[in-house]
Structure formats: structure tokens, C-alpha cells
Protein backbone atom coordinates (compact mmCIF):
# COMPACT_ATOMS: atom_id res chain seq x y z
CA UNK A 1 0.00 0.00 0.00
CA UNK A 2 0.99 3.60 -0.54
CA UNK A 3 2.04 6.03 2.13
CA UNK A 4 0.19 9.35 2.29
CA UNK A 5 2.22 12.37 1.19
CA UNK A 6 1.91 14.45 4.32
CA UNK A 7 3.48 17.81 3.63
CA UNK A 8 4.37 18.24 -0.01
CA UNK A 9 2.32 18.61 -3.12
CA UNK A 10 4.15 17.58 -6.28
CA UNK A 11 5.50 20.73 -7.88
CA UNK A 12 4.97 19.41 -11.42
CA UNK A 13 1.22 19.25 -10.83
CA UNK A 14 1.16 22.72 -9.26
CA UNK A 15 3.03 24.16 -12.22
CA UNK A 16 0.51 22.59 -14.59
CA UNK A 17 -2.45 23.88 -12.57
CA UNK A 18 -1.08 27.41 -12.34
CA UNK A 19 -0.08 27.65 -16.00
CA UNK A 20 -3.11 25.87 -17.48
CA UNK A 21 -5.19 28.24 -19.59
CA UNK A 22 -8.33 26.39 -18.52
CA UNK A 23 -7.58 26.70 -14.81
CA UNK A 24 -5.46 29.82 -14.52
CA UNK A 25 -8.27 32.14 -13.59
CA UNK A 26 -5.93 34.40 -11.73
CA UNK A 27 -5.34 38.10 -12.11
CA UNK A 28 -5.74 39.22 -15.70
CA UNK A 29 -3.52 42.17 -14.86
CA UNK A 30 -0.89 42.18 -12.10
CA UNK A 31 -1.84 44.35 -9.15
CA UNK A 32 -5.59 44.24 -9.84
CA UNK A 33 -7.92 42.07 -7.76
CA UNK A 34 -9.05 38.87 -9.47
CA UNK A 35 -12.53 38.74 -8.02
CA UNK A 36 -14.94 40.35 -5.61
CA UNK A 37 -13.56 40.86 -2.14
CA UNK A 38 -16.97 40.41 -0.60
CA UNK A 39 -19.38 37.51 -0.69
CA UNK A 40 -22.38 38.80 -2.64
CA UNK A 41 -25.65 36.95 -2.16
CA UNK A 42 -23.90 34.43 0.09
CA UNK A 43 -22.02 33.00 -2.90
CA UNK A 44 -18.60 31.52 -2.29
CA UNK A 45 -15.88 33.66 -3.86
CA UNK A 46 -12.15 33.17 -4.19
CA UNK A 47 -11.58 35.88 -1.59
CA UNK A 48 -13.96 34.31 0.92
CA UNK A 49 -12.55 30.83 0.31
CA UNK A 50 -9.03 32.21 0.93
CA UNK A 51 -10.19 33.62 4.27
CA UNK A 52 -11.58 30.25 5.35
CA UNK A 53 -8.35 28.52 4.30
CA UNK A 54 -6.26 31.06 6.23
CA UNK A 55 -8.22 30.16 9.38
CA UNK A 56 -7.35 26.49 8.81
CA UNK A 57 -3.69 27.14 7.97
CA UNK A 58 -2.28 30.64 8.50
CA UNK A 59 0.68 29.59 6.32
CA UNK A 60 -1.52 28.81 3.27
CA UNK A 61 0.31 29.61 0.02
CA UNK A 62 -1.87 31.33 -2.57
CA UNK A 63 -0.70 31.63 -6.16
CA UNK A 64 -3.39 32.86 -8.55
CA UNK A 65 -6.19 30.29 -8.30
CA UNK A 66 -4.14 27.58 -6.56
CA UNK A 67 -3.75 27.32 -2.80
CA UNK A 68 -1.42 24.97 -0.91
CA UNK A 69 -1.98 24.27 2.76
CA UNK A 70 -1.53 21.59 5.40
CA UNK A 71 -4.44 20.46 7.58
CA UNK A 72 -3.87 17.90 10.33
CA UNK A 73 -0.50 17.07 8.76
CA UNK A 74 -2.03 16.35 5.34
CA UNK A 75 -0.97 18.42 2.31
CA UNK A 76 -3.86 19.91 0.34
CA UNK A 77 -4.22 21.78 -2.93
CA UNK A 78 -7.35 23.86 -3.49
CA UNK A 79 -7.95 25.01 -7.06
CA UNK A 80 -10.75 27.30 -8.23
CA UNK A 81 -11.99 28.37 -11.64
CA UNK A 82 -14.36 31.30 -11.08
CA UNK A 83 -15.26 31.55 -14.79
CA UNK A 84 -16.47 27.93 -14.78
CA UNK A 85 -17.80 28.24 -11.20
CA UNK A 86 -15.86 25.12 -10.13
CA UNK A 87 -13.47 24.21 -7.35
CA UNK A 88 -11.60 21.15 -6.17
CA UNK A 89 -9.72 20.13 -3.05
CA UNK A 90 -7.02 17.50 -3.55
CA UNK A 91 -4.48 15.65 -1.45
CA UNK A 92 -1.73 13.53 -3.02
CA UNK A 93 -1.52 10.03 -1.56
CA UNK A 94 1.23 8.31 -3.54
CA UNK A 95 2.39 6.93 -6.89
CA UNK A 96 0.10 4.69 -8.91
CA UNK A 97 3.07 2.52 -9.93
CA UNK A 98 2.72 0.70 -6.59
CA UNK A 99 -0.96 -0.19 -7.08
CA UNK A 100 -2.17 -3.72 -7.76
CA UNK A 101 -5.45 -4.70 -9.43
CA UNK A 102 -7.10 -5.27 -6.03
CA UNK A 103 -6.07 -1.76 -4.96
CA UNK A 104 -7.91 -0.25 -7.92
CA UNK A 105 -10.98 -2.36 -7.07
CA UNK A 106 -10.85 -1.22 -3.43
CA UNK A 107 -10.65 2.44 -4.50
CA UNK A 108 -13.76 2.04 -6.63
CA UNK A 109 -15.61 0.24 -3.82
CA UNK A 110 -14.74 3.03 -1.40
CA UNK A 111 -15.87 5.65 -3.93
CA UNK A 112 -19.25 3.93 -4.05
CA UNK A 113 -19.98 3.66 -0.35
CA UNK A 114 -17.35 4.96 2.05
CA UNK A 115 -15.80 8.25 0.98
CA UNK A 116 -19.14 9.93 0.19
CA UNK A 117 -18.48 13.52 -1.01
CA UNK A 118 -14.73 13.02 -1.33
CA UNK A 119 -13.34 10.61 -3.91
CA UNK A 120 -10.20 8.68 -4.65
CA UNK A 121 -8.81 9.65 -8.03
CA UNK A 122 -5.81 8.98 -10.23
CA UNK A 123 -4.00 11.71 -12.18
CA UNK A 124 -0.44 12.37 -13.31
CA UNK A 125 0.82 9.07 -11.90
CA UNK A 126 -0.56 9.69 -8.40
CA UNK A 127 -3.48 8.52 -6.28
CA UNK A 128 -5.39 11.48 -4.84
CA UNK A 129 -8.12 12.14 -2.35
CA UNK A 130 -10.35 14.78 -3.98
CA UNK A 131 -13.54 16.80 -3.64
CA UNK A 132 -15.00 18.55 -6.71
CA UNK A 133 -17.94 20.95 -6.52
CA UNK A 134 -19.44 24.13 -7.98
CA UNK A 135 -17.77 27.12 -6.31
CA UNK A 136 -20.51 29.71 -5.79
CA UNK A 137 -23.13 27.60 -3.94
CA UNK A 138 -20.53 26.18 -1.52
CA UNK A 139 -21.17 27.21 2.09
CA UNK A 140 -18.52 27.56 4.78
CA UNK A 141 -19.91 24.44 6.45
CA UNK A 142 -19.73 22.45 3.20
CA UNK A 143 -16.20 23.69 2.57
CA UNK A 144 -15.08 22.65 6.05
CA UNK A 145 -16.78 19.26 5.64
CA UNK A 146 -15.16 18.77 2.23
CA UNK A 147 -11.70 19.56 3.59
CA UNK A 148 -12.26 17.19 6.52
CA UNK A 149 -13.42 14.42 4.18
CA UNK A 150 -10.41 14.84 1.86
CA UNK A 151 -8.03 14.79 4.86
CA UNK A 152 -9.69 11.70 6.40
CA UNK A 153 -9.84 9.89 3.03
CA UNK A 154 -6.12 10.54 2.52
CA UNK A 155 -5.35 9.47 6.11
CA UNK A 156 -7.38 6.25 5.89
CA UNK A 157 -6.10 5.18 2.47
CA UNK A 158 -4.82 1.63 2.80
CA UNK A 159 -6.83 0.94 5.96
CA UNK A 160 -10.54 1.78 6.19
CA UNK A 161 -10.78 3.85 2.97
CA UNK A 162 -13.34 6.26 4.42
CA UNK A 163 -13.97 10.00 4.47
CA UNK A 164 -15.03 9.80 8.10
CA UNK A 165 -18.66 10.42 7.23
CA UNK A 166 -21.36 7.77 7.08
CA UNK A 167 -21.02 4.60 5.03
CA UNK A 168 -23.69 4.21 2.36
CA UNK A 169 -25.49 0.88 2.71
CA UNK A 170 -25.58 -1.50 -0.21
CA UNK A 171 -21.88 -1.30 -1.02
CA UNK A 172 -18.97 -3.55 -0.12
CA UNK A 173 -17.30 -1.43 2.56
CA UNK A 174 -19.63 -2.42 5.42
CA UNK A 175 -19.08 -6.09 4.60
CA UNK A 176 -15.31 -5.57 4.41
CA UNK A 177 -15.30 -3.70 7.73
CA UNK A 178 -17.47 -6.48 9.29
CA UNK A 179 -15.08 -9.18 7.99
CA UNK A 180 -12.12 -7.28 9.43
CA UNK A 181 -13.91 -6.93 12.77
CA UNK A 182 -14.68 -10.68 12.81
CA UNK A 183 -11.06 -11.59 11.98
CA UNK A 184 -9.81 -9.42 14.83
CA UNK A 185 -12.48 -10.70 17.21
CA UNK A 186 -11.68 -14.35 16.39
CA UNK A 187 -7.94 -13.78 16.82
CA UNK A 188 -8.66 -12.20 20.19
CA UNK A 189 -10.60 -15.18 21.47
CA UNK A 190 -8.82 -17.84 23.52
CA UNK A 191 -9.25 -21.57 23.03
CA UNK A 192 -10.87 -23.10 26.09
């Protein structure tokens, strides 16, 4: 299994995100604000999102529409595209080169029933924990929940594969957790 990347976000990916014409919704002109400083009509804006992130990590690095921060020891990247009204929160977990077929299957099972709003994803040779959502309707509570789910999903990769929220019934994760519990319980019993 992979080890979670705890404090660094691959610089190659950041360079691609910052320089991408589709995602680089930064300042069109240096020195001019890139978006509204307020939060009109309770819509999430880049400026408001930045304020929330600063409360979570005062050392958050903001470069155009890409933010890097560390929450509970887990490295996060938050990318916004105001023109498309989209945002994503991502945490790198590790290289895909180490994955086996059963690892891919487990990721898909967890995506179905255990990570809920967060997801496991694969991009640029890495496994990621990710949350993708429209930007403007996002509330502070949803943003905080999304960050928590991405952090927990990254932290539990290789073990319980969960976002820390509820497990949706009808999937495989409850059965897998029950089987694990039974294995541990049986090993803990003594022969009399």
C-alpha cells in the first residue's frame, strides 16, 4: 500500500495547474484584484474561500487560483476556476506505480460507499483524495466538511478507505469492515 504524502504537493502538478489556460483564472492584470472581495448573495468567492483557508492554515500559500496548505499534517491543494464556477480540493496520496489490481478495485468500492463527497482519483501518476464541486453555492460548512473528508480519506487510504462520514449501505465497505472486525475478534478469542 501507498504512504500518504503528508506535507508536499508535487511541484509538477502545481506548475501545470497554475499555467493551465483552462484553470489559470488568476489576475488578468498584475496588481488588480481577481474577483470580488466580498461575498455577494452568500455566494462563495475566491476571496472568501481564501479567508476560510487562512483560518485552517495561517501559512496557506496562494498563487493565482491555486492554494497549498496543510491540515492535520495532510498536504492539500485547493484550485478554483471562477469563470467555470468550479473548485476542487485535492491531497496527493502516492504513486500509482505501486498499485495492484485489487487496490484499484478497493478504491472504486470506497468511492461507491465509504468516501461519500470526497473521492479517490488517479492523475499524473498519483493517487489522490479529492472533492470537486461548484464554487458559488458552496457554504462555509460544506467547505469545512469537504476539507475534513479529503483529509480523512487521505489518512485512511490503505486501511478503512473512508472519508469519516457515514457509510452508504448497499456497497462492499460495510461487509469488508465487518469481515475485518470478525477476523480481529476471532484472533482475540482464547481456546478453552
